[in-house]
Every structure is written in C-alpha cells, then in structure tokens.
C-alpha cells in the first residue's frame, strides 16, 4: 500500500471500529438492564427495542448508498455518524423501553456502511483493496471481542446510560476522524447528464454475481448471530463463568487475524481466492457440525475454543473478501448503490440471525440451531460454487458487473 492508501484504510477502519464498538457494547447487557426501565417487564417490547436498530439500518442502507453516489461519500458518513450520536443521546436519556426504542431506531439511521466501503474502494488500488477491506473486517471482530469486556464494565458503573454516552462520544470521534484524518475524496459525483440511468443501475444490482454476494453476506451474518445465541450457554456448561468468556473470545479472534494475514492476501495474489473462499465456507459449515456434536454431550472449553478459532478464521476471510469483490463488480458511479444493497442484506442477516436463531433455539434447542446453521452454510456453498471472482487487474478496464469484458475474463479465474 502507498502511504495515502494506508491512511485511508486505517482511518476508515477506525471509523467503522468506533461505531461498531458502540453497537456491540450494549449487546451483552441490554436484555438485563432494560428490565429496570418502564415497560421492561415485557420481553417482546425489550426485544423490539433492541432489534429496531437492525431493521432501520436495513431500510436505509440502499438510500444512503445512492446518496453517497450522488452527493459524495464523506457528507453521507458525517450525516450518518451525527444521527448515530443523536440516537445515542436519546437512548441515554430514556426512562422507558419506548424511549430506548426511539434511540435505537435513530442509531440505525446512521447507515454508513455502504458509504465507508465505497470511499475505501475509491481510495485504494484494486490489487490492495482486499487488505483495506480486511482492516475493516478485522476491526469488526476485534471490537466484538473488546465489547464483551467493556460493555459489562460500563454497565456496572452506570447502566445503559453510561454505554450510550460513551457510544455518543465514539460517534463524534468518528466525525473527527472523517474530517481531520481521512484523505480527501477522489470520487466526484457525475453530472446528471452523464450519471447512469436507473435501468443501468438496476441491471448492475441484479447481476448474478452481486446477487450471490448479497445472499452470501446474509447467510454469513445470520449464522454468526445465531451461533452466539447458543455458544455462551455451552461455555457455561463447560465450566467457564460468563465473566470469563471474553478472555476466550479475545485470543481466538486475534489468532484468527494471523490466519487471515497468512492466507488471504498471498492466495489472492496467486489467483487462488476461489479455493480459499469455498474452503472457508466449508470450514464454517464444519464448525457448525462440530458445535452440533459438542452440544449433544458435555462440552469442554478446549473443544469449544478450537471450534471458535476455526469459525473466526473462516468468518474473517469471508467478511473481508466479499465487499472487495462487490466493489470490483460495480463501476464507481453505482458502487455506493451496490454496496448499499450488500450492506442491507448484511443488516437483515443480523436481524434474522437473532430473531430466527432465538426462536429455533427455543423450539428445537441448540442442536436444532446448529443443524439449521449448517444447512444454511451448505446452501451458501452450493450458491458460491459457480461464482466468478474478479482478479485485481480487471477493474482497471472500467467495466463492472454490467460489463461483458469482466464476465468473460472471470472465467479464467475460476
């Protein structure tokens, strides 16, 4: 990477990390702390308040992505972070579950994922873009692990208000990074006369390759969230107290980054992304089958630790390589829209994984949950088998998912 590419990648990964840390910190304590609010005895209302973030974000990812194409990436990112900060303030001041729900909904209004990834794609050369996407993906996993330590600590000091005030500060810190550190935009919105028409944009968004990526990110995040519906209980059964879970998650996540660094970038340079990608889907599938086996008997910490390490190894590679491919398939003028659809499916996967995962675990137990996750991963493996992976050199031709030259060249990369 050039110094400018490193600066863009690190700053945008930091923006993502600050936002995701604020989101993740509330997860381990929300259902418990919300009981102290007016209306907190109603589990369905509390669950709705918690899940509204994902629903609102899913609804706004595409509009924000289109806005990023039309008005510029940085403007949309700053607007989204300010909405996220305002929602955090409302949630911090709430005295009822309804107030928490309004705050969480407004937090979901900060749907900046598409704008951030589009800006990163604009500011990195295609051959190093996966590294930039990997920084963002790695920041998500690291923030998830850290949140399991920091969230309960803040909650013990000041309940949910403490978490939401810190979240507000993190969002404002993200605004400062955008305005003060992130390099100036290289993408400029096209004039109305040259902007792609809606039919062309629709043709790009509905291309089979992008649809495969959209389905893949939905399944990946649905399986991730659903897995964590049951994993904490298995760790408790294995004799690991809840307060100690984070000390297992953190080293597992960090070691999985080492695997990603040693595998993804080297294999992509050699043109071996396809076997690595399919292998990681199969790895997560095997992890679900392993969790199914472990949950059928007395679990032990060692087995669970190995399975979680393998899970994050597969997850990190898939999470980093998919948006990179999506950005290559779409031309710059439709990149925000394409990544908006991609991130919409990601948000819907998060919501579906939590809602459906909880229902399946209640009805069929953890074994039914892991079996369902394994079935989803098997479905993804089938869908991904015919994927065409765009090599780094192809984007320079200016063709995206709608361009025949890329489609023809893709055949050689399979």
Protein backbone atom coordinates (compact mmCIF):
# COMPACT_ATOMS: atom_id res chain seq x y z
CA UNK A 1 0.00 0.00 0.00
CA UNK A 2 1.06 3.59 -0.60
CA UNK A 3 1.11 5.98 2.41
CA UNK A 4 -2.17 7.52 1.19
CA UNK A 5 -3.81 4.10 0.87
CA UNK A 6 -2.65 3.12 4.36
CA UNK A 7 -4.01 6.38 5.77
CA UNK A 8 -7.36 5.87 4.03
CA UNK A 9 -7.61 2.23 5.11
CA UNK A 10 -6.65 2.84 8.75
CA UNK A 11 -8.85 5.92 9.15
CA UNK A 12 -11.93 4.28 7.62
CA UNK A 13 -11.34 1.10 9.63
CA UNK A 14 -11.15 3.31 12.73
CA UNK A 15 -14.47 4.96 11.83
CA UNK A 16 -16.02 1.53 11.44
CA UNK A 17 -14.43 0.31 14.68
CA UNK A 18 -15.62 3.27 16.77
CA UNK A 19 -19.17 2.80 15.53
CA UNK A 20 -19.22 -0.98 15.92
CA UNK A 21 -17.74 -0.85 19.42
CA UNK A 22 -20.62 1.41 20.44
CA UNK A 23 -23.11 -1.02 18.94
CA UNK A 24 -21.58 -4.19 20.32
CA UNK A 25 -21.09 -2.95 23.90
CA UNK A 26 -24.82 -2.93 24.53
CA UNK A 27 -25.45 -6.50 23.33
CA UNK A 28 -24.32 -8.50 26.39
CA UNK A 29 -26.28 -6.32 28.86
CA UNK A 30 -29.28 -4.81 27.05
CA UNK A 31 -31.83 -7.53 27.85
CA UNK A 32 -30.82 -7.46 31.52
CA UNK A 33 -30.52 -3.71 32.10
CA UNK A 34 -33.71 -2.87 30.18
CA UNK A 35 -35.71 -4.58 32.93
CA UNK A 36 -35.09 -1.51 35.11
CA UNK A 37 -36.94 0.76 32.65
CA UNK A 38 -40.66 1.47 32.45
CA UNK A 39 -42.08 -1.36 30.35
CA UNK A 40 -39.00 -3.51 30.84
CA UNK A 41 -41.02 -6.45 32.13
CA UNK A 42 -42.36 -7.03 28.62
CA UNK A 43 -39.70 -9.15 26.91
CA UNK A 44 -41.24 -8.60 23.47
CA UNK A 45 -41.00 -4.80 23.83
CA UNK A 46 -37.41 -5.06 25.02
CA UNK A 47 -36.55 -7.34 22.12
CA UNK A 48 -38.17 -4.91 19.68
CA UNK A 49 -36.21 -2.01 21.17
CA UNK A 50 -33.00 -3.97 20.76
CA UNK A 51 -33.76 -5.11 17.21
CA UNK A 52 -35.06 -1.81 15.81
CA UNK A 53 -31.51 -0.71 15.07
CA UNK A 54 -31.00 -3.51 12.57
CA UNK A 55 -34.38 -3.03 10.90
CA UNK A 56 -33.96 0.72 10.40
CA UNK A 57 -30.40 0.30 9.17
CA UNK A 58 -31.50 -2.36 6.68
CA UNK A 59 -34.14 0.02 5.32
CA UNK A 60 -31.68 2.90 4.91
CA UNK A 61 -28.56 1.20 3.56
CA UNK A 62 -29.65 1.48 -0.07
CA UNK A 63 -30.85 5.14 0.16
CA UNK A 64 -27.61 6.09 1.93
CA UNK A 65 -25.60 4.22 -0.70
CA UNK A 66 -27.41 6.06 -3.50
CA UNK A 67 -26.88 9.34 -1.65
CA UNK A 68 -23.16 8.57 -1.40
CA UNK A 69 -23.05 8.13 -5.19
CA UNK A 70 -24.90 11.40 -5.78
CA UNK A 71 -23.70 13.78 -3.05
CA UNK A 72 -20.31 12.36 -2.07
CA UNK A 73 -19.11 9.75 0.43
CA UNK A 74 -17.84 11.98 3.24
CA UNK A 75 -21.03 14.01 3.53
CA UNK A 76 -23.10 10.87 3.97
CA UNK A 77 -20.66 9.40 6.50
CA UNK A 78 -20.70 12.56 8.65
CA UNK A 79 -24.51 12.77 8.49
CA UNK A 80 -24.84 9.12 9.48
CA UNK A 81 -22.45 9.46 12.41
CA UNK A 82 -24.31 12.54 13.68
CA UNK A 83 -27.61 10.64 13.51
CA UNK A 84 -25.97 7.76 15.36
CA UNK A 85 -24.71 10.16 18.04
CA UNK A 86 -28.15 11.79 18.39
CA UNK A 87 -29.79 8.37 18.78
CA UNK A 88 -27.25 7.52 21.48
CA UNK A 89 -28.15 10.70 23.40
CA UNK A 90 -31.87 9.91 23.21
CA UNK A 91 -31.25 6.36 24.44
CA UNK A 92 -29.00 7.63 27.25
CA UNK A 93 -31.73 10.00 28.46
CA UNK A 94 -34.57 7.45 28.10
CA UNK A 95 -36.58 6.40 31.13
CA UNK A 96 -38.75 3.81 29.35
CA UNK A 97 -38.37 0.99 26.88
CA UNK A 98 -40.22 3.16 24.35
CA UNK A 99 -37.53 5.83 24.72
CA UNK A 100 -34.84 3.19 24.26
CA UNK A 101 -36.63 2.03 21.12
CA UNK A 102 -36.65 5.56 19.66
CA UNK A 103 -32.97 5.95 20.44
CA UNK A 104 -32.07 2.60 18.91
CA UNK A 105 -34.12 3.40 15.80
CA UNK A 106 -32.31 6.71 15.34
CA UNK A 107 -28.98 4.95 15.85
CA UNK A 108 -29.99 2.72 12.94
CA UNK A 109 -30.39 5.88 10.87
CA UNK A 110 -26.60 6.07 10.77
CA UNK A 111 -26.43 3.54 7.93
CA UNK A 112 -22.94 4.45 6.71
CA UNK A 113 -21.52 1.02 5.89
CA UNK A 114 -22.01 1.39 2.13
CA UNK A 115 -20.55 4.92 2.08
CA UNK A 116 -17.48 3.84 4.09
CA UNK A 117 -16.73 0.82 1.92
CA UNK A 118 -17.38 2.83 -1.26
CA UNK A 119 -14.95 5.53 -0.07
CA UNK A 120 -12.33 2.89 0.72
CA UNK A 121 -12.81 1.37 -2.73
CA UNK A 122 -12.35 4.81 -4.28
CA UNK A 123 -9.11 5.46 -2.40
CA UNK A 124 -7.33 2.12 -2.84
CA UNK A 125 -5.95 0.41 -5.90
CA UNK A 126 -7.74 -2.77 -6.79
CA UNK A 127 -4.75 -5.03 -6.10
CA UNK A 128 -4.53 -3.89 -2.45
CA UNK A 129 -8.22 -3.28 -1.80
CA UNK A 130 -8.78 -6.59 -0.06
CA UNK A 131 -6.19 -5.54 2.54
CA UNK A 132 -8.20 -2.40 3.23
CA UNK A 133 -11.43 -4.38 3.47
CA UNK A 134 -9.64 -6.85 5.75
CA UNK A 135 -8.74 -4.00 8.11
CA UNK A 136 -12.42 -3.11 8.35
CA UNK A 137 -13.41 -6.75 8.78
CA UNK A 138 -10.72 -7.26 11.38
CA UNK A 139 -11.86 -4.18 13.26
CA UNK A 140 -15.36 -5.65 13.49
CA UNK A 141 -14.11 -8.89 15.02
CA UNK A 142 -11.77 -7.10 17.41
CA UNK A 143 -14.48 -4.67 18.55
CA UNK A 144 -16.83 -7.59 19.12
CA UNK A 145 -14.30 -9.23 21.43
CA UNK A 146 -13.48 -5.97 23.25
CA UNK A 147 -17.15 -5.11 23.68
CA UNK A 148 -17.70 -8.28 25.70
CA UNK A 149 -15.17 -6.90 28.20
CA UNK A 150 -16.01 -3.17 28.10
CA UNK A 151 -19.82 -3.38 27.88
CA UNK A 152 -20.44 -5.20 31.17
CA UNK A 153 -17.80 -3.00 32.86
CA UNK A 154 -19.53 0.24 31.80
CA UNK A 155 -22.90 -1.24 32.71
CA UNK A 156 -21.69 -1.99 36.22
CA UNK A 157 -20.62 1.64 36.59
CA UNK A 158 -23.63 3.43 35.15
CA UNK A 159 -26.07 1.05 33.48
CA UNK A 160 -27.22 1.53 29.89
CA UNK A 161 -26.88 5.37 30.06
CA UNK A 162 -23.11 5.01 30.57
CA UNK A 163 -22.82 2.79 27.50
CA UNK A 164 -24.91 5.14 25.36
CA UNK A 165 -22.97 8.25 26.45
CA UNK A 166 -19.70 6.52 25.57
CA UNK A 167 -21.25 5.45 22.26
CA UNK A 168 -22.13 9.09 21.53
CA UNK A 169 -18.52 10.09 22.20
CA UNK A 170 -17.27 7.33 19.90
CA UNK A 171 -19.56 8.55 17.10
CA UNK A 172 -18.33 12.13 17.46
CA UNK A 173 -14.77 10.78 17.45
CA UNK A 174 -15.60 9.14 14.13
CA UNK A 175 -16.73 12.50 12.75
CA UNK A 176 -13.40 13.99 13.80
CA UNK A 177 -11.52 11.21 12.02
CA UNK A 178 -13.53 11.75 8.80
CA UNK A 179 -12.97 15.50 8.77
CA UNK A 180 -9.43 15.61 10.10
CA UNK A 181 -7.60 12.46 9.00
CA UNK A 182 -9.37 10.62 6.19
CA UNK A 183 -7.88 11.67 2.82
CA UNK A 184 -9.89 13.94 0.56
CA UNK A 185 -12.35 12.22 -1.73
CA UNK A 186 -11.11 11.16 -5.14
CA UNK A 187 -14.61 10.24 -6.36
CA UNK A 188 -16.72 13.08 -7.68
CA UNK A 189 -20.45 12.63 -8.34
CA UNK A 190 -21.20 12.64 -12.04
CA UNK A 191 -23.25 15.38 -13.63
CA UNK A 192 -26.93 14.49 -14.22
CA UNK A 193 -26.32 14.21 -17.96
CA UNK A 194 -23.63 11.55 -17.52
CA UNK A 195 -25.00 9.76 -14.44
CA UNK A 196 -26.10 6.20 -15.05
CA UNK A 197 -29.81 5.79 -15.67
CA UNK A 198 -31.97 3.72 -13.33
CA UNK A 199 -32.23 0.83 -15.79
CA UNK A 200 -28.45 0.52 -15.98
CA UNK A 201 -28.10 0.71 -12.20
CA UNK A 202 -30.81 -1.93 -11.77
CA UNK A 203 -29.02 -4.21 -14.26
CA UNK A 204 -25.84 -3.89 -12.18
CA UNK A 205 -27.57 -4.52 -8.85
CA UNK A 206 -29.37 -7.62 -10.13
CA UNK A 207 -26.36 -9.22 -11.81
CA UNK A 208 -25.97 -12.87 -10.75
CA UNK A 209 -22.50 -12.28 -9.27
CA UNK A 210 -23.66 -9.47 -6.99
CA UNK A 211 -26.77 -11.41 -6.01
CA UNK A 212 -24.55 -14.32 -4.94
CA UNK A 213 -22.50 -11.96 -2.77
CA UNK A 214 -25.67 -10.44 -1.28
CA UNK A 215 -27.03 -13.89 -0.42
CA UNK A 216 -23.65 -14.87 0.99
CA UNK A 217 -23.36 -11.92 3.39
CA UNK A 218 -26.94 -12.50 4.56
CA UNK A 219 -26.17 -16.14 5.40
CA UNK A 220 -22.77 -15.32 6.93
CA UNK A 221 -24.14 -12.79 9.42
CA UNK A 222 -27.31 -14.75 10.13
CA UNK A 223 -25.18 -17.76 11.05
CA UNK A 224 -22.78 -15.63 13.11
CA UNK A 225 -25.51 -14.05 15.23
CA UNK A 226 -27.48 -17.31 15.54
CA UNK A 227 -24.33 -19.13 16.67
CA UNK A 228 -23.92 -16.69 19.54
CA UNK A 229 -27.47 -17.39 20.68
CA UNK A 230 -26.22 -20.80 21.91
CA UNK A 231 -22.43 -20.58 22.32
CA UNK A 232 -22.45 -18.64 25.64
CA UNK A 233 -24.64 -21.30 27.25
CA UNK A 234 -22.29 -24.04 26.02
CA UNK A 235 -19.32 -22.24 27.57
CA UNK A 236 -21.17 -22.02 30.88
CA UNK A 237 -21.94 -25.75 30.68
CA UNK A 238 -18.23 -26.33 30.05
CA UNK A 239 -17.46 -24.60 33.36
CA UNK A 240 -16.45 -21.16 32.09
CA UNK A 241 -18.16 -18.38 34.02
CA UNK A 242 -19.89 -15.70 31.94
CA UNK A 243 -17.46 -13.02 33.13
CA UNK A 244 -14.57 -15.08 31.71
CA UNK A 245 -15.99 -15.61 28.22
CA UNK A 246 -14.29 -12.53 26.81
CA UNK A 247 -10.87 -13.90 27.79
CA UNK A 248 -11.53 -16.84 25.46
CA UNK A 249 -13.01 -14.74 22.64
CA UNK A 250 -10.18 -12.19 22.55
CA UNK A 251 -7.20 -14.53 21.90
CA UNK A 252 -9.30 -16.61 19.50
CA UNK A 253 -10.17 -13.52 17.44
CA UNK A 254 -6.58 -12.22 17.47
CA UNK A 255 -5.15 -15.58 16.35
CA UNK A 256 -7.71 -15.75 13.56
CA UNK A 257 -6.34 -12.44 12.22
CA UNK A 258 -2.94 -14.13 11.90
CA UNK A 259 -4.53 -16.87 9.81
CA UNK A 260 -6.19 -14.29 7.58
CA UNK A 261 -2.93 -12.40 7.10
CA UNK A 262 -1.04 -15.56 6.17
CA UNK A 263 -3.69 -16.91 3.81
CA UNK A 264 -5.96 -14.33 2.20
CA UNK A 265 -3.52 -11.80 0.74
CA UNK A 266 -0.99 -14.36 -0.52
CA UNK A 267 -3.59 -16.62 -2.11
CA UNK A 268 -5.38 -13.70 -3.73
CA UNK A 269 -2.11 -12.50 -5.30
CA UNK A 270 -1.54 -16.00 -6.69
CA UNK A 271 -5.06 -16.19 -8.11
CA UNK A 272 -6.22 -18.78 -5.58
CA UNK A 273 -9.02 -16.76 -4.00
CA UNK A 274 -11.73 -19.11 -5.22
CA UNK A 275 -10.46 -22.28 -3.44
CA UNK A 276 -9.76 -20.24 -0.28
CA UNK A 277 -13.23 -18.69 -0.37
CA UNK A 278 -15.02 -22.00 -0.88
CA UNK A 279 -12.75 -23.65 1.69
CA UNK A 280 -13.69 -21.06 4.31
CA UNK A 281 -17.40 -21.61 3.66
CA UNK A 282 -16.79 -25.33 4.14
CA UNK A 283 -14.78 -24.55 7.29
CA UNK A 284 -17.67 -22.65 8.89
CA UNK A 285 -20.01 -25.46 7.83
CA UNK A 286 -17.76 -27.98 9.61
CA UNK A 287 -17.65 -25.73 12.68
CA UNK A 288 -21.46 -25.83 12.87
CA UNK A 289 -21.39 -29.62 12.63
CA UNK A 290 -18.70 -29.66 15.32
CA UNK A 291 -20.84 -27.48 17.59
CA UNK A 292 -23.76 -29.83 16.91
CA UNK A 293 -21.63 -32.76 18.07
CA UNK A 294 -20.28 -30.92 21.13
CA UNK A 295 -23.76 -29.76 22.19
CA UNK A 296 -25.00 -33.36 22.17
CA UNK A 297 -22.75 -34.22 25.12
CA UNK A 298 -20.93 -32.46 27.95
CA UNK A 299 -18.96 -29.66 26.25
CA UNK A 300 -15.40 -28.79 27.21
CA UNK A 301 -13.60 -25.46 26.90
CA UNK A 302 -10.78 -26.85 24.75
CA UNK A 303 -13.07 -28.18 22.02
CA UNK A 304 -15.14 -25.01 22.01
CA UNK A 305 -12.00 -22.86 21.83
CA UNK A 306 -10.74 -24.75 18.76
CA UNK A 307 -14.14 -24.53 17.06
CA UNK A 308 -14.42 -20.81 17.74
CA UNK A 309 -10.92 -20.25 16.38
CA UNK A 310 -11.85 -22.07 13.16
CA UNK A 311 -15.11 -20.14 12.98
CA UNK A 312 -13.38 -16.77 13.14
CA UNK A 313 -10.70 -17.90 10.66
CA UNK A 314 -13.40 -18.63 8.10
CA UNK A 315 -15.55 -15.66 9.04
CA UNK A 316 -12.73 -13.09 8.75
CA UNK A 317 -11.64 -14.26 5.30
CA UNK A 318 -15.22 -14.29 4.00
CA UNK A 319 -16.06 -10.96 5.61
CA UNK A 320 -13.01 -9.27 4.08
CA UNK A 321 -13.13 -10.73 0.57
CA UNK A 322 -16.84 -10.30 -0.19
CA UNK A 323 -17.12 -6.47 -0.13
CA UNK A 324 -13.87 -6.27 -2.08
CA UNK A 325 -15.43 -8.40 -4.81
CA UNK A 326 -18.65 -6.33 -4.72
CA UNK A 327 -16.67 -3.12 -5.19
CA UNK A 328 -14.87 -4.61 -8.20
CA UNK A 329 -18.08 -5.75 -9.86
CA UNK A 330 -19.75 -2.33 -9.77
CA UNK A 331 -18.48 0.80 -11.58
CA UNK A 332 -17.69 3.84 -9.38
CA UNK A 333 -20.94 5.62 -10.28
CA UNK A 334 -23.00 2.67 -8.92
CA UNK A 335 -20.59 1.46 -6.25
CA UNK A 336 -22.46 3.09 -3.37
CA UNK A 337 -25.75 1.59 -4.54
CA UNK A 338 -24.23 -1.88 -4.96
CA UNK A 339 -22.62 -1.77 -1.52
CA UNK A 340 -25.87 -0.36 -0.14
CA UNK A 341 -27.72 -3.48 -1.26
CA UNK A 342 -24.88 -5.63 0.07
CA UNK A 343 -24.99 -3.96 3.50
CA UNK A 344 -28.80 -4.12 3.55
CA UNK A 345 -28.57 -7.89 3.28
CA UNK A 346 -25.89 -7.84 5.97
CA UNK A 347 -28.20 -5.95 8.34
CA UNK A 348 -31.12 -8.22 7.52
CA UNK A 349 -28.87 -11.20 8.23
CA UNK A 350 -28.05 -9.78 11.66
CA UNK A 351 -31.74 -9.28 12.43
CA UNK A 352 -32.76 -12.68 11.05
CA UNK A 353 -29.96 -14.46 12.88
CA UNK A 354 -31.05 -13.02 16.21
CA UNK A 355 -34.81 -13.37 15.73
CA UNK A 356 -34.90 -16.73 13.95
CA UNK A 357 -31.96 -18.10 15.94
CA UNK A 358 -33.70 -17.35 19.22
CA UNK A 359 -36.92 -18.96 18.03
CA UNK A 360 -35.19 -22.10 16.72
CA UNK A 361 -33.15 -22.44 19.93
CA UNK A 362 -36.34 -22.17 21.99
CA UNK A 363 -38.24 -24.70 19.88
CA UNK A 364 -35.50 -27.18 18.93
CA UNK A 365 -32.64 -26.48 21.32
CA UNK A 366 -29.03 -25.73 20.50
CA UNK A 367 -28.66 -28.88 18.39
CA UNK A 368 -31.51 -27.78 16.14
CA UNK A 369 -29.95 -24.33 15.90
CA UNK A 370 -26.53 -25.63 14.84
CA UNK A 371 -28.12 -28.04 12.37
CA UNK A 372 -30.04 -25.13 10.82
CA UNK A 373 -26.85 -23.06 10.60
CA UNK A 374 -25.05 -25.97 8.95
CA UNK A 375 -27.87 -26.23 6.40
CA UNK A 376 -27.55 -22.52 5.59
CA UNK A 377 -23.80 -22.82 5.10
CA UNK A 378 -24.33 -25.84 2.84
CA UNK A 379 -26.78 -23.79 0.78
CA UNK A 380 -24.22 -20.98 0.50
CA UNK A 381 -21.55 -23.44 -0.61
CA UNK A 382 -23.84 -24.55 -3.44
CA UNK A 383 -24.63 -20.95 -4.45
CA UNK A 384 -20.98 -19.90 -4.30
CA UNK A 385 -19.64 -22.86 -6.27
CA UNK A 386 -20.34 -21.16 -9.60
CA UNK A 387 -19.10 -17.71 -8.54
CA UNK A 388 -16.71 -15.82 -10.78
CA UNK A 389 -14.00 -14.00 -8.88
CA UNK A 390 -12.81 -10.75 -10.44
CA UNK A 391 -8.99 -10.57 -10.44
CA UNK A 392 -7.44 -7.29 -9.42
CA UNK A 393 -6.40 -6.21 -12.91
CA UNK A 394 -9.92 -6.35 -14.31
CA UNK A 395 -11.35 -3.30 -12.57
CA UNK A 396 -8.99 -1.00 -14.40
CA UNK A 397 -10.93 -1.70 -17.61
CA UNK A 398 -13.80 0.34 -16.20
CA UNK A 399 -16.33 -2.45 -16.52
CA UNK A 400 -18.40 -3.61 -13.62
CA UNK A 401 -21.00 -6.28 -13.17
CA UNK A 402 -22.80 -4.98 -16.21
CA UNK A 403 -19.72 -5.14 -18.43
CA UNK A 404 -19.19 -8.15 -20.65
CA UNK A 405 -15.36 -7.93 -20.67
CA UNK A 406 -15.25 -8.64 -16.93
CA UNK A 407 -17.68 -11.52 -17.26
CA UNK A 408 -15.53 -13.06 -19.94
CA UNK A 409 -12.31 -12.58 -18.04
CA UNK A 410 -13.81 -14.04 -14.89
CA UNK A 411 -13.98 -17.47 -16.43
CA UNK A 412 -10.21 -17.81 -16.26
CA UNK A 413 -10.16 -17.05 -12.54
CA UNK A 414 -12.43 -19.88 -11.55
